Amino acid sequence: MTQQKPTAIVVCPGRGGYNKPELGSISRKHGKKKHWLDAWDERRHSLGAATVTELDQAQKFDFKRHLHAENSAALIYAAGYLDYQAVKNDYDIVAVTGNSMGWYTALSCAGVWDPVNAMDIVTDMARNTANAQGAQLIFPLTDANWTPQPEFHAAITDILNKLRGELFESIYYGGYILLSGTERAIKQAAGKLPKVDDRFPLILPGHAAFHSPLMQQASQRALANWSVEHFNQPTLPLIDGRGHIWQRPAVDLKDLRDYTFNHQVAQAYNFTRALEVAVREFAPDKLLLLGPGNSLGGAVGQTLAMMNWRNIHDKQSFAQQQARDDAAVISLGLT
């Protein structure tokens, strides 16, 4: 009798996943998938960009080069998609979601985008949004043990009201919120929000006003550059940054394109809501967090704690669950 595969939701990371510890990880883990790397390298070369192999196999991590938007995006997409390829046959994948740029990886994993052509789109969108105006900061909404702090929420609401039209909700990310806005508004917000753990509010270096109305020009360029012909019916349910489920055969590809290059670019991305919907609607045995790295781990744990999923209600209970042999959350970037 064939043993039933565990069900799983795939979760794709956004910006910031490929850092110094990840250098060489793509070649080390996925060297047998050279046909993908060769195809992506050819596309990147034709675009006048550094190839994935060249970046991943560099002798040392160059912060300026590796964290440059178009290079970081390519590394994150390649690592995530190859992680998905490595595990997709070991699980019954029931849905795919992601955070921010992870939406692009999710589209490839779900068969909406051709995985080679997607490298063109990922590179173009990185260039497109990197040139946009504004800045971004991150601020906690919980304490160190993931207990919600009403005064932190109140401070965010207050500063958004005071800087209305210049400051915007950008990403809901588990126990954190990211704000985007003009550089002036972000500096003002950083000065007025309460100081937490000698670290927050933290202005994110090299980030523009992602997922905000200040990205409208980038959205318009994307819509002009990428037609609906690049989109196919998904082979898996997709949960987007609103918590909306895209499920074949009912997906209007024009609507999916519009969401991807309009709402997803220029409106807030609620990763917390996306994960909540994925877990509640598809009740997976496992959550597979794609690499590179483990940037998703904390936000996923915090979201599960908010849901009291499998008796996870704080940081300690999440750590205890993860210490079990049958841990429900698997970070593929750590394997």
C-alpha atoms as a PDB file:
ATOM      1  CA  MET A   1       0.000   0.000   0.000  1.00  0.00           C
ATOM      2  CA  THR A   2       1.402   3.382  -1.002  1.00  0.00           C
ATOM      3  CA  GLN A   3       1.999   5.689   1.952  1.00  0.00           C
ATOM      4  CA  GLN A   4       0.066   8.937   1.704  1.00  0.00           C
ATOM      5  CA  LYS A   5       2.230  12.021   1.343  1.00  0.00           C
ATOM      6  CA  PRO A   6       1.890  14.747   3.980  1.00  0.00           C
ATOM      7  CA  THR A   7       0.045  17.820   2.746  1.00  0.00           C
ATOM      8  CA  ALA A   8       1.992  21.063   2.639  1.00  0.00           C
ATOM      9  CA  ILE A   9       1.703  24.754   1.911  1.00  0.00           C
ATOM     10  CA  VAL A  10       4.705  26.347   0.215  1.00  0.00           C
ATOM     11  CA  VAL A  11       5.707  29.809   1.476  1.00  0.00           C
ATOM     12  CA  CYS A  12       8.069  31.951  -0.615  1.00  0.00           C
ATOM     13  CA  PRO A  13      10.348  34.626   0.919  1.00  0.00           C
ATOM     14  CA  GLY A  14      10.704  38.232  -0.184  1.00  0.00           C
ATOM     15  CA  ARG A  15      13.643  40.601  -0.220  1.00  0.00           C
ATOM     16  CA  GLY A  16      16.499  40.091   2.210  1.00  0.00           C
ATOM     17  CA  GLY A  17      16.766  36.296   2.115  1.00  0.00           C
ATOM     18  CA  TYR A  18      20.164  35.948   0.426  1.00  0.00           C
ATOM     19  CA  ASN A  19      22.916  37.259   2.700  1.00  0.00           C
ATOM     20  CA  LYS A  20      26.530  36.411   3.513  1.00  0.00           C
ATOM     21  CA  PRO A  21      25.728  33.010   5.137  1.00  0.00           C
ATOM     22  CA  GLU A  22      23.872  31.979   1.963  1.00  0.00           C
ATOM     23  CA  LEU A  23      26.826  32.568  -0.375  1.00  0.00           C
ATOM     24  CA  GLY A  24      27.325  29.424  -2.480  1.00  0.00           C
ATOM     25  CA  SER A  25      24.149  27.785  -1.214  1.00  0.00           C
ATOM     26  CA  ILE A  26      22.455  27.562  -4.609  1.00  0.00           C
ATOM     27  CA  SER A  27      25.338  25.729  -6.261  1.00  0.00           C
ATOM     28  CA  ARG A  28      25.931  23.582  -3.184  1.00  0.00           C
ATOM     29  CA  LYS A  29      22.319  22.461  -2.771  1.00  0.00           C
ATOM     30  CA  HIS A  30      21.134  22.452  -6.361  1.00  0.00           C
ATOM     31  CA  GLY A  31      24.160  21.702  -8.507  1.00  0.00           C
ATOM     32  CA  LYS A  32      22.259  18.854 -10.166  1.00  0.00           C
ATOM     33  CA  LYS A  33      19.684  21.350 -11.455  1.00  0.00           C
ATOM     34  CA  LYS A  34      22.275  22.919 -13.754  1.00  0.00           C
ATOM     35  CA  HIS A  35      19.823  23.160 -16.664  1.00  0.00           C
ATOM     36  CA  TRP A  36      17.788  25.723 -14.697  1.00  0.00           C
ATOM     37  CA  LEU A  37      20.879  27.679 -13.729  1.00  0.00           C
ATOM     38  CA  ASP A  38      22.204  27.652 -17.296  1.00  0.00           C
ATOM     39  CA  ALA A  39      18.880  28.916 -18.646  1.00  0.00           C
ATOM     40  CA  TRP A  40      18.643  31.689 -16.036  1.00  0.00           C
ATOM     41  CA  ASP A  41      22.281  32.653 -16.564  1.00  0.00           C
ATOM     42  CA  GLU A  42      21.672  32.986 -20.295  1.00  0.00           C
ATOM     43  CA  ARG A  43      18.669  35.250 -19.673  1.00  0.00           C
ATOM     44  CA  ARG A  44      20.548  37.383 -17.157  1.00  0.00           C
ATOM     45  CA  HIS A  45      23.524  37.703 -19.521  1.00  0.00           C
ATOM     46  CA  SER A  46      21.226  38.867 -22.311  1.00  0.00           C
ATOM     47  CA  LEU A  47      19.845  41.532 -19.956  1.00  0.00           C
ATOM     48  CA  GLY A  48      23.321  42.806 -19.137  1.00  0.00           C
ATOM     49  CA  ALA A  49      23.036  41.568 -15.553  1.00  0.00           C
ATOM     50  CA  ALA A  50      25.327  39.436 -13.413  1.00  0.00           C
ATOM     51  CA  THR A  51      24.393  35.758 -13.669  1.00  0.00           C
ATOM     52  CA  VAL A  52      23.042  33.708 -10.789  1.00  0.00           C
ATOM     53  CA  THR A  53      26.019  31.338 -10.954  1.00  0.00           C
ATOM     54  CA  GLU A  54      28.527  34.208 -11.025  1.00  0.00           C
ATOM     55  CA  LEU A  55      26.942  35.814  -7.966  1.00  0.00           C
ATOM     56  CA  ASP A  56      26.419  32.593  -6.005  1.00  0.00           C
ATOM     57  CA  GLN A  57      29.925  31.265  -6.647  1.00  0.00           C
ATOM     58  CA  ALA A  58      31.750  34.523  -5.891  1.00  0.00           C
ATOM     59  CA  GLN A  59      34.839  34.187  -3.707  1.00  0.00           C
ATOM     60  CA  LYS A  60      33.378  36.531  -1.112  1.00  0.00           C
ATOM     61  CA  PHE A  61      30.102  38.227  -0.326  1.00  0.00           C
ATOM     62  CA  ASP A  62      30.101  41.766  -1.656  1.00  0.00           C
ATOM     63  CA  PHE A  63      27.341  43.638   0.183  1.00  0.00           C
ATOM     64  CA  LYS A  64      27.007  46.326  -2.463  1.00  0.00           C
ATOM     65  CA  ARG A  65      26.882  43.844  -5.330  1.00  0.00           C
ATOM     66  CA  HIS A  66      24.931  40.945  -3.824  1.00  0.00           C
ATOM     67  CA  LEU A  67      22.333  43.166  -2.162  1.00  0.00           C
ATOM     68  CA  HIS A  68      21.844  45.314  -5.268  1.00  0.00           C
ATOM     69  CA  ALA A  69      18.144  44.990  -6.088  1.00  0.00           C
ATOM     70  CA  GLU A  70      18.386  43.170  -9.416  1.00  0.00           C
ATOM     71  CA  ASN A  71      21.011  40.741  -8.097  1.00  0.00           C
ATOM     72  CA  SER A  72      19.325  40.044  -4.781  1.00  0.00           C
ATOM     73  CA  ALA A  73      16.000  39.430  -6.526  1.00  0.00           C
ATOM     74  CA  ALA A  74      17.542  36.943  -8.960  1.00  0.00           C
ATOM     75  CA  LEU A  75      19.286  35.011  -6.177  1.00  0.00           C
ATOM     76  CA  ILE A  76      16.146  34.873  -4.038  1.00  0.00           C
ATOM     77  CA  TYR A  77      13.973  33.741  -6.935  1.00  0.00           C
ATOM     78  CA  ALA A  78      16.463  31.089  -8.091  1.00  0.00           C
ATOM     79  CA  ALA A  79      17.067  29.673  -4.618  1.00  0.00           C
ATOM     80  CA  GLY A  80      13.362  29.556  -3.814  1.00  0.00           C
ATOM     81  CA  TYR A  81      12.275  27.947  -7.050  1.00  0.00           C
ATOM     82  CA  LEU A  82      15.005  25.312  -6.849  1.00  0.00           C
ATOM     83  CA  ASP A  83      14.044  24.532  -3.239  1.00  0.00           C
ATOM     84  CA  TYR A  84      10.493  24.004  -4.473  1.00  0.00           C
ATOM     85  CA  GLN A  85      11.668  21.686  -7.245  1.00  0.00           C
ATOM     86  CA  ALA A  86      13.656  19.668  -4.701  1.00  0.00           C
ATOM     87  CA  VAL A  87      10.674  18.905  -2.431  1.00  0.00           C
ATOM     88  CA  LYS A  88       7.544  19.093  -4.583  1.00  0.00           C
ATOM     89  CA  ASN A  89       7.405  15.327  -5.137  1.00  0.00           C
ATOM     90  CA  ASP A  90       7.827  14.524  -1.439  1.00  0.00           C
ATOM     91  CA  TYR A  91       4.647  16.319  -0.388  1.00  0.00           C
ATOM     92  CA  ASP A  92       1.096  16.825  -1.536  1.00  0.00           C
ATOM     93  CA  ILE A  93       1.373  20.567  -2.190  1.00  0.00           C
ATOM     94  CA  VAL A  94      -2.074  22.032  -1.537  1.00  0.00           C
ATOM     95  CA  ALA A  95      -1.373  25.775  -1.934  1.00  0.00           C
ATOM     96  CA  VAL A  96       1.360  28.366  -2.458  1.00  0.00           C
ATOM     97  CA  THR A  97       1.788  31.828  -0.959  1.00  0.00           C
ATOM     98  CA  GLY A  98       4.615  34.271  -0.338  1.00  0.00           C
ATOM     99  CA  ASN A  99       5.713  37.593   1.036  1.00  0.00           C
ATOM    100  CA  SER A 100       6.220  40.640  -1.198  1.00  0.00           C
ATOM    101  CA  MET A 101       8.659  39.612  -3.949  1.00  0.00           C
ATOM    102  CA  GLY A 102       7.871  36.034  -2.924  1.00  0.00           C
ATOM    103  CA  TRP A 103       4.633  36.455  -4.861  1.00  0.00           C
ATOM    104  CA  TYR A 104       6.716  36.214  -8.046  1.00  0.00           C
ATOM    105  CA  THR A 105       8.312  32.947  -6.889  1.00  0.00           C
ATOM    106  CA  ALA A 106       4.858  31.675  -5.939  1.00  0.00           C
ATOM    107  CA  LEU A 107       3.578  32.403  -9.461  1.00  0.00           C
ATOM    108  CA  SER A 108       6.333  30.226 -10.927  1.00  0.00           C
ATOM    109  CA  CYS A 109       5.841  27.424  -8.396  1.00  0.00           C
ATOM    110  CA  ALA A 110       2.129  27.378  -9.240  1.00  0.00           C
ATOM    111  CA  GLY A 111       2.799  27.234 -12.979  1.00  0.00           C
ATOM    112  CA  VAL A 112       1.433  30.704 -13.775  1.00  0.00           C
ATOM    113  CA  TRP A 113       4.785  31.897 -15.088  1.00  0.00           C
ATOM    114  CA  ASP A 114       7.269  29.917 -17.127  1.00  0.00           C
ATOM    115  CA  PRO A 115      10.181  29.566 -14.664  1.00  0.00           C
ATOM    116  CA  VAL A 116      12.795  30.745 -17.177  1.00  0.00           C
ATOM    117  CA  ASN A 117      10.806  33.699 -18.482  1.00  0.00           C
ATOM    118  CA  ALA A 118      10.057  34.609 -14.878  1.00  0.00           C
ATOM    119  CA  MET A 119      13.718  35.512 -14.383  1.00  0.00           C
ATOM    120  CA  ASP A 120      13.240  38.271 -16.970  1.00  0.00           C
ATOM    121  CA  ILE A 121      10.221  39.599 -15.072  1.00  0.00           C
ATOM    122  CA  VAL A 122      11.926  39.353 -11.684  1.00  0.00           C
ATOM    123  CA  THR A 123      14.963  41.244 -12.971  1.00  0.00           C
ATOM    124  CA  ASP A 124      12.838  43.883 -14.679  1.00  0.00           C
ATOM    125  CA  MET A 125      10.659  44.434 -11.613  1.00  0.00           C
ATOM    126  CA  ALA A 126      13.714  44.748  -9.375  1.00  0.00           C
ATOM    127  CA  ARG A 127      15.147  47.417 -11.661  1.00  0.00           C
ATOM    128  CA  ASN A 128      11.765  49.074 -12.008  1.00  0.00           C
ATOM    129  CA  THR A 129      10.978  49.358  -8.285  1.00  0.00           C
ATOM    130  CA  ALA A 130      14.557  50.074  -7.190  1.00  0.00           C
ATOM    131  CA  ASN A 131      14.433  53.368  -9.058  1.00  0.00           C
ATOM    132  CA  ALA A 132      11.248  54.434  -7.309  1.00  0.00           C
ATOM    133  CA  GLN A 133      11.123  57.148  -4.670  1.00  0.00           C
ATOM    134  CA  GLY A 134      10.679  56.926  -0.922  1.00  0.00           C
ATOM    135  CA  ALA A 135      11.875  54.680   1.879  1.00  0.00           C
ATOM    136  CA  GLN A 136      10.665  51.949   4.210  1.00  0.00           C
ATOM    137  CA  LEU A 137      10.921  51.118   7.931  1.00  0.00           C
ATOM    138  CA  ILE A 138      10.000  48.157  10.120  1.00  0.00           C
ATOM    139  CA  PHE A 139       8.441  48.293  13.581  1.00  0.00           C
ATOM    140  CA  PRO A 140       7.279  45.534  15.989  1.00  0.00           C
ATOM    141  CA  LEU A 141       3.685  45.003  17.036  1.00  0.00           C
ATOM    142  CA  THR A 142       4.531  42.423  19.735  1.00  0.00           C
ATOM    143  CA  ASP A 143       6.984  42.029  22.594  1.00  0.00           C
ATOM    144  CA  ALA A 144       9.937  39.640  22.612  1.00  0.00           C
ATOM    145  CA  ASN A 145       7.684  36.659  23.429  1.00  0.00           C
ATOM    146  CA  TRP A 146       5.248  37.589  20.629  1.00  0.00           C
ATOM    147  CA  THR A 147       2.545  39.003  22.885  1.00  0.00           C
ATOM    148  CA  PRO A 148       0.652  41.778  21.022  1.00  0.00           C
ATOM    149  CA  GLN A 149       1.332  45.252  22.387  1.00  0.00           C
ATOM    150  CA  PRO A 150      -1.694  47.582  21.996  1.00  0.00           C
ATOM    151  CA  GLU A 151       0.468  50.660  22.581  1.00  0.00           C
ATOM    152  CA  PHE A 152       2.624  49.761  19.562  1.00  0.00           C
ATOM    153  CA  HIS A 153      -0.487  49.442  17.397  1.00  0.00           C
ATOM    154  CA  ALA A 154      -1.736  52.783  18.726  1.00  0.00           C
ATOM    155  CA  ALA A 155       1.581  54.463  17.925  1.00  0.00           C
ATOM    156  CA  ILE A 156       1.418  53.184  14.337  1.00  0.00           C
ATOM    157  CA  THR A 157      -2.173  54.382  13.916  1.00  0.00           C
ATOM    158  CA  ASP A 158      -1.254  57.795  15.323  1.00  0.00           C
ATOM    159  CA  ILE A 159       1.751  58.356  13.069  1.00  0.00           C
ATOM    160  CA  LEU A 160      -0.171  57.190   9.970  1.00  0.00           C
ATOM    161  CA  ASN A 161      -2.896  59.718  10.780  1.00  0.00           C
ATOM    162  CA  LYS A 162      -0.390  62.524  11.327  1.00  0.00           C
ATOM    163  CA  LEU A 163       1.458  61.829   8.082  1.00  0.00           C
ATOM    164  CA  ARG A 164      -1.553  60.897   5.974  1.00  0.00           C
ATOM    165  CA  GLY A 165      -0.789  61.036   2.254  1.00  0.00           C
ATOM    166  CA  GLU A 166       2.978  60.680   2.831  1.00  0.00           C
ATOM    167  CA  LEU A 167       3.161  57.560   5.010  1.00  0.00           C
ATOM    168  CA  PHE A 168       1.466  54.234   4.267  1.00  0.00           C
ATOM    169  CA  GLU A 169       1.045  50.709   5.577  1.00  0.00           C
ATOM    170  CA  SER A 170       3.342  48.586   3.411  1.00  0.00           C
ATOM    171  CA  ILE A 171       3.604  44.998   4.694  1.00  0.00           C
ATOM    172  CA  TYR A 172       1.927  43.186   7.570  1.00  0.00           C
ATOM    173  CA  TYR A 173       4.573  40.645   8.508  1.00  0.00           C
ATOM    174  CA  GLY A 174       3.579  38.515  11.487  1.00  0.00           C
ATOM    175  CA  GLY A 175       4.606  40.434  14.598  1.00  0.00           C
ATOM    176  CA  TYR A 176       5.895  43.374  12.557  1.00  0.00           C
ATOM    177  CA  ILE A 177       4.585  46.075  10.293  1.00  0.00           C
ATOM    178  CA  LEU A 178       6.529  47.778   7.524  1.00  0.00           C
ATOM    179  CA  LEU A 179       5.691  51.365   6.639  1.00  0.00           C
ATOM    180  CA  SER A 180       6.517  53.056   3.342  1.00  0.00           C
ATOM    181  CA  GLY A 181       6.533  56.713   2.510  1.00  0.00           C
ATOM    182  CA  THR A 182       8.453  59.711   1.345  1.00  0.00           C
ATOM    183  CA  GLU A 183      11.950  59.961   2.793  1.00  0.00           C
ATOM    184  CA  ARG A 184      10.802  62.920   4.882  1.00  0.00           C
ATOM    185  CA  ALA A 185       7.830  60.987   6.286  1.00  0.00           C
ATOM    186  CA  ILE A 186       9.910  57.890   7.077  1.00  0.00           C
ATOM    187  CA  LYS A 187      12.483  60.004   8.947  1.00  0.00           C
ATOM    188  CA  GLN A 188       9.704  61.727  10.881  1.00  0.00           C
ATOM    189  CA  ALA A 189       8.070  58.403  11.738  1.00  0.00           C
ATOM    190  CA  ALA A 190      11.394  56.952  12.869  1.00  0.00           C
ATOM    191  CA  GLY A 191      11.834  59.935  15.169  1.00  0.00           C
ATOM    192  CA  LYS A 192       8.347  59.809  16.680  1.00  0.00           C
ATOM    193  CA  LEU A 193       7.677  56.084  17.115  1.00  0.00           C
ATOM    194  CA  PRO A 194       8.697  54.641  20.506  1.00  0.00           C
ATOM    195  CA  LYS A 195      12.164  53.088  20.727  1.00  0.00           C
ATOM    196  CA  VAL A 196      12.022  49.307  21.122  1.00  0.00           C
ATOM    197  CA  ASP A 197      14.948  47.021  22.030  1.00  0.00           C
ATOM    198  CA  ASP A 198      17.482  49.665  20.945  1.00  0.00           C
ATOM    199  CA  ARG A 199      16.736  48.561  17.382  1.00  0.00           C
ATOM    200  CA  PHE A 200      13.320  49.747  16.255  1.00  0.00           C
ATOM    201  CA  PRO A 201      11.996  51.663  14.412  1.00  0.00           C
ATOM    202  CA  LEU A 202      14.509  50.523  11.808  1.00  0.00           C
ATOM    203  CA  ILE A 203      14.823  52.271   8.451  1.00  0.00           C
ATOM    204  CA  LEU A 204      15.683  49.591   5.882  1.00  0.00           C
ATOM    205  CA  PRO A 205      18.734  50.590   3.810  1.00  0.00           C
ATOM    206  CA  GLY A 206      18.317  50.494   0.056  1.00  0.00           C
ATOM    207  CA  HIS A 207      14.533  50.118   0.210  1.00  0.00           C
ATOM    208  CA  ALA A 208      12.147  52.374  -1.695  1.00  0.00           C
ATOM    209  CA  ALA A 209       8.492  52.905  -0.719  1.00  0.00           C
ATOM    210  CA  PHE A 210       7.491  49.360  -1.678  1.00  0.00           C
ATOM    211  CA  HIS A 211       3.804  48.388  -1.670  1.00  0.00           C
ATOM    212  CA  SER A 212       2.559  51.968  -1.482  1.00  0.00           C
ATOM    213  CA  PRO A 213       0.961  54.530  -3.827  1.00  0.00           C
ATOM    214  CA  LEU A 214       4.454  55.972  -4.379  1.00  0.00           C
ATOM    215  CA  MET A 215       5.040  52.904  -6.574  1.00  0.00           C
ATOM    216  CA  GLN A 216       2.337  53.892  -9.064  1.00  0.00           C
ATOM    217  CA  GLN A 217       4.789  54.765 -11.840  1.00  0.00           C
ATOM    218  CA  ALA A 218       6.557  51.410 -11.380  1.00  0.00           C
ATOM    219  CA  SER A 219       3.151  49.738 -11.604  1.00  0.00           C
ATOM    220  CA  GLN A 220       2.324  51.531 -14.846  1.00  0.00           C
ATOM    221  CA  ARG A 221       5.669  50.538 -16.382  1.00  0.00           C
ATOM    222  CA  ALA A 222       5.138  46.912 -15.376  1.00  0.00           C
ATOM    223  CA  LEU A 223       1.677  46.844 -16.927  1.00  0.00           C
ATOM    224  CA  ALA A 224       3.137  48.301 -20.122  1.00  0.00           C
ATOM    225  CA  ASN A 225       5.997  45.780 -20.204  1.00  0.00           C
ATOM    226  CA  TRP A 226       4.274  42.472 -19.337  1.00  0.00           C
ATOM    227  CA  SER A 227       1.152  41.334 -21.148  1.00  0.00           C
ATOM    228  CA  VAL A 228      -1.385  38.718 -20.087  1.00  0.00           C
ATOM    229  CA  GLU A 229       0.271  36.263 -22.508  1.00  0.00           C
ATOM    230  CA  HIS A 230       2.900  35.654 -19.822  1.00  0.00           C
ATOM    231  CA  PHE A 231       0.223  34.226 -17.483  1.00  0.00           C
ATOM    232  CA  ASN A 232      -1.178  30.688 -17.417  1.00  0.00           C
ATOM    233  CA  GLN A 233      -3.868  29.044 -15.314  1.00  0.00           C
ATOM    234  CA  PRO A 234      -2.330  28.046 -11.955  1.00  0.00           C
ATOM    235  CA  THR A 235      -1.797  24.362 -11.286  1.00  0.00           C
ATOM    236  CA  LEU A 236      -2.048  25.036  -7.536  1.00  0.00           C
ATOM    237  CA  PRO A 237      -4.172  27.409  -5.445  1.00  0.00           C
ATOM    238  CA  LEU A 238      -2.411  30.741  -4.885  1.00  0.00           C
ATOM    239  CA  ILE A 239      -3.045  33.008  -1.873  1.00  0.00           C
ATOM    240  CA  ASP A 240      -2.124  36.622  -2.559  1.00  0.00           C
ATOM    241  CA  GLY A 241      -1.247  39.593  -0.353  1.00  0.00           C
ATOM    242  CA  ARG A 242      -4.909  40.322   0.386  1.00  0.00           C
ATOM    243  CA  GLY A 243      -5.675  36.746   1.430  1.00  0.00           C
ATOM    244  CA  HIS A 244      -7.540  36.154  -1.860  1.00  0.00           C
ATOM    245  CA  ILE A 245      -7.377  32.612  -3.248  1.00  0.00           C
ATOM    246  CA  TRP A 246      -6.706  32.206  -6.975  1.00  0.00           C
ATOM    247  CA  GLN A 247      -7.846  28.724  -7.949  1.00  0.00           C
ATOM    248  CA  ARG A 248      -8.164  27.094 -11.334  1.00  0.00           C
ATOM    249  CA  PRO A 249     -10.104  26.803 -13.536  1.00  0.00           C
ATOM    250  CA  ALA A 250     -11.846  30.021 -12.520  1.00  0.00           C
ATOM    251  CA  VAL A 251      -8.865  32.410 -12.666  1.00  0.00           C
ATOM    252  CA  ASP A 252      -9.306  35.414 -14.939  1.00  0.00           C
ATOM    253  CA  LEU A 253      -5.735  35.890 -16.145  1.00  0.00           C
ATOM    254  CA  LYS A 254      -6.311  39.572 -16.889  1.00  0.00           C
ATOM    255  CA  ASP A 255      -7.342  40.068 -13.261  1.00  0.00           C
ATOM    256  CA  LEU A 256      -4.311  38.106 -12.058  1.00  0.00           C
ATOM    257  CA  ARG A 257      -2.006  40.239 -14.192  1.00  0.00           C
ATOM    258  CA  ASP A 258      -3.656  43.408 -12.917  1.00  0.00           C
ATOM    259  CA  TYR A 259      -3.286  42.305  -9.300  1.00  0.00           C
ATOM    260  CA  THR A 260       0.354  41.301  -9.810  1.00  0.00           C
ATOM    261  CA  PHE A 261       1.498  44.511 -11.481  1.00  0.00           C
ATOM    262  CA  ASN A 262      -0.946  46.981  -9.946  1.00  0.00           C
ATOM    263  CA  HIS A 263      -2.347  46.200  -6.502  1.00  0.00           C
ATOM    264  CA  GLN A 264       0.608  44.012  -5.476  1.00  0.00           C
ATOM    265  CA  VAL A 265       3.057  46.772  -6.429  1.00  0.00           C
ATOM    266  CA  ALA A 266       1.263  49.898  -5.233  1.00  0.00           C
ATOM    267  CA  GLN A 267      -0.906  48.754  -2.302  1.00  0.00           C
ATOM    268  CA  ALA A 268      -0.181  47.164   1.080  1.00  0.00           C
ATOM    269  CA  TYR A 269       0.831  43.492   1.158  1.00  0.00           C
ATOM    270  CA  ASN A 270      -0.682  41.553   4.062  1.00  0.00           C
ATOM    271  CA  PHE A 271       1.538  38.501   4.405  1.00  0.00           C
ATOM    272  CA  THR A 272      -0.007  37.775   7.808  1.00  0.00           C
ATOM    273  CA  ARG A 273      -3.475  37.551   6.267  1.00  0.00           C
ATOM    274  CA  ALA A 274      -2.203  35.435   3.353  1.00  0.00           C
ATOM    275  CA  LEU A 275      -0.710  32.867   5.720  1.00  0.00           C
ATOM    276  CA  GLU A 276      -3.780  32.840   7.976  1.00  0.00           C
ATOM    277  CA  VAL A 277      -6.035  32.121   4.991  1.00  0.00           C
ATOM    278  CA  ALA A 278      -3.680  29.453   3.659  1.00  0.00           C
ATOM    279  CA  VAL A 279      -3.523  27.595   6.963  1.00  0.00           C
ATOM    280  CA  ARG A 280      -7.243  27.850   7.760  1.00  0.00           C
ATOM    281  CA  GLU A 281      -8.512  27.016   4.289  1.00  0.00           C
ATOM    282  CA  PHE A 282      -6.076  24.220   3.399  1.00  0.00           C
ATOM    283  CA  ALA A 283      -5.240  22.755   6.852  1.00  0.00           C
ATOM    284  CA  PRO A 284      -1.757  21.494   5.904  1.00  0.00           C
ATOM    285  CA  ASP A 285       0.330  18.938   7.741  1.00  0.00           C
ATOM    286  CA  LYS A 286       3.441  21.014   7.046  1.00  0.00           C
ATOM    287  CA  LEU A 287       4.494  24.524   6.102  1.00  0.00           C
ATOM    288  CA  LEU A 288       7.483  24.516   3.738  1.00  0.00           C
ATOM    289  CA  LEU A 289       9.430  27.780   3.900  1.00  0.00           C
ATOM    290  CA  LEU A 290      11.554  28.119   0.790  1.00  0.00           C
ATOM    291  CA  GLY A 291      15.068  29.515   0.949  1.00  0.00           C
ATOM    292  CA  PRO A 292      17.368  31.250   0.713  1.00  0.00           C
ATOM    293  CA  GLY A 293      18.001  31.537   4.439  1.00  0.00           C
ATOM    294  CA  ASN A 294      15.308  31.566   7.084  1.00  0.00           C
ATOM    295  CA  SER A 295      13.978  35.106   6.824  1.00  0.00           C
ATOM    296  CA  LEU A 296      10.386  33.851   7.009  1.00  0.00           C
ATOM    297  CA  GLY A 297      10.757  31.832  10.219  1.00  0.00           C
ATOM    298  CA  GLY A 298       9.935  34.523  12.759  1.00  0.00           C
ATOM    299  CA  ALA A 299       6.994  36.052  10.872  1.00  0.00           C
ATOM    300  CA  VAL A 300       5.486  32.619  10.214  1.00  0.00           C
ATOM    301  CA  GLY A 301       5.868  31.610  13.864  1.00  0.00           C
ATOM    302  CA  GLN A 302       4.315  34.885  15.022  1.00  0.00           C
ATOM    303  CA  THR A 303       1.358  34.440  12.684  1.00  0.00           C
ATOM    304  CA  LEU A 304       0.770  30.879  13.872  1.00  0.00           C
ATOM    305  CA  ALA A 305       0.902  32.135  17.473  1.00  0.00           C
ATOM    306  CA  MET A 306      -1.778  34.752  16.673  1.00  0.00           C
ATOM    307  CA  MET A 307      -3.939  31.903  15.367  1.00  0.00           C
ATOM    308  CA  ASN A 308      -3.150  29.593  18.313  1.00  0.00           C
ATOM    309  CA  TRP A 309      -2.421  26.964  15.675  1.00  0.00           C
ATOM    310  CA  ARG A 310      -1.622  23.553  17.165  1.00  0.00           C
ATOM    311  CA  ASN A 311      -1.344  25.178  20.608  1.00  0.00           C
ATOM    312  CA  ILE A 312       1.338  27.600  19.434  1.00  0.00           C
ATOM    313  CA  HIS A 313       0.570  30.830  21.285  1.00  0.00           C
ATOM    314  CA  ASP A 314       3.944  32.502  21.866  1.00  0.00           C
ATOM    315  CA  LYS A 315       7.621  32.272  21.000  1.00  0.00           C
ATOM    316  CA  GLN A 316       8.359  29.595  23.577  1.00  0.00           C
ATOM    317  CA  SER A 317       5.558  27.262  22.474  1.00  0.00           C
ATOM    318  CA  PHE A 318       6.622  27.695  18.842  1.00  0.00           C
ATOM    319  CA  ALA A 319      10.210  26.749  19.742  1.00  0.00           C
ATOM    320  CA  GLN A 320       8.934  23.685  21.623  1.00  0.00           C
ATOM    321  CA  GLN A 321       6.861  22.593  18.638  1.00  0.00           C
ATOM    322  CA  GLN A 322       9.795  23.097  16.306  1.00  0.00           C
ATOM    323  CA  ALA A 323      12.046  20.966  18.525  1.00  0.00           C
ATOM    324  CA  ARG A 324       9.861  17.930  17.895  1.00  0.00           C
ATOM    325  CA  ASP A 325      10.811  15.308  15.326  1.00  0.00           C
ATOM    326  CA  ASP A 326       7.544  16.029  13.493  1.00  0.00           C
ATOM    327  CA  ALA A 327       7.915  19.810  13.480  1.00  0.00           C
ATOM    328  CA  ALA A 328       5.215  21.400  11.347  1.00  0.00           C
ATOM    329  CA  VAL A 329       7.310  24.262   9.950  1.00  0.00           C
ATOM    330  CA  ILE A 330      10.255  23.251   7.762  1.00  0.00           C
ATOM    331  CA  SER A 331      12.739  25.933   6.707  1.00  0.00           C
ATOM    332  CA  LEU A 332      14.303  24.566   3.533  1.00  0.00           C
ATOM    333  CA  GLY A 333      16.878  27.342   3.539  1.00  0.00           C
ATOM    334  CA  LEU A 334      18.450  25.752   6.621  1.00  0.00           C
ATOM    335  CA  THR A 335      18.852  22.286   5.117  1.00  0.00           C
END
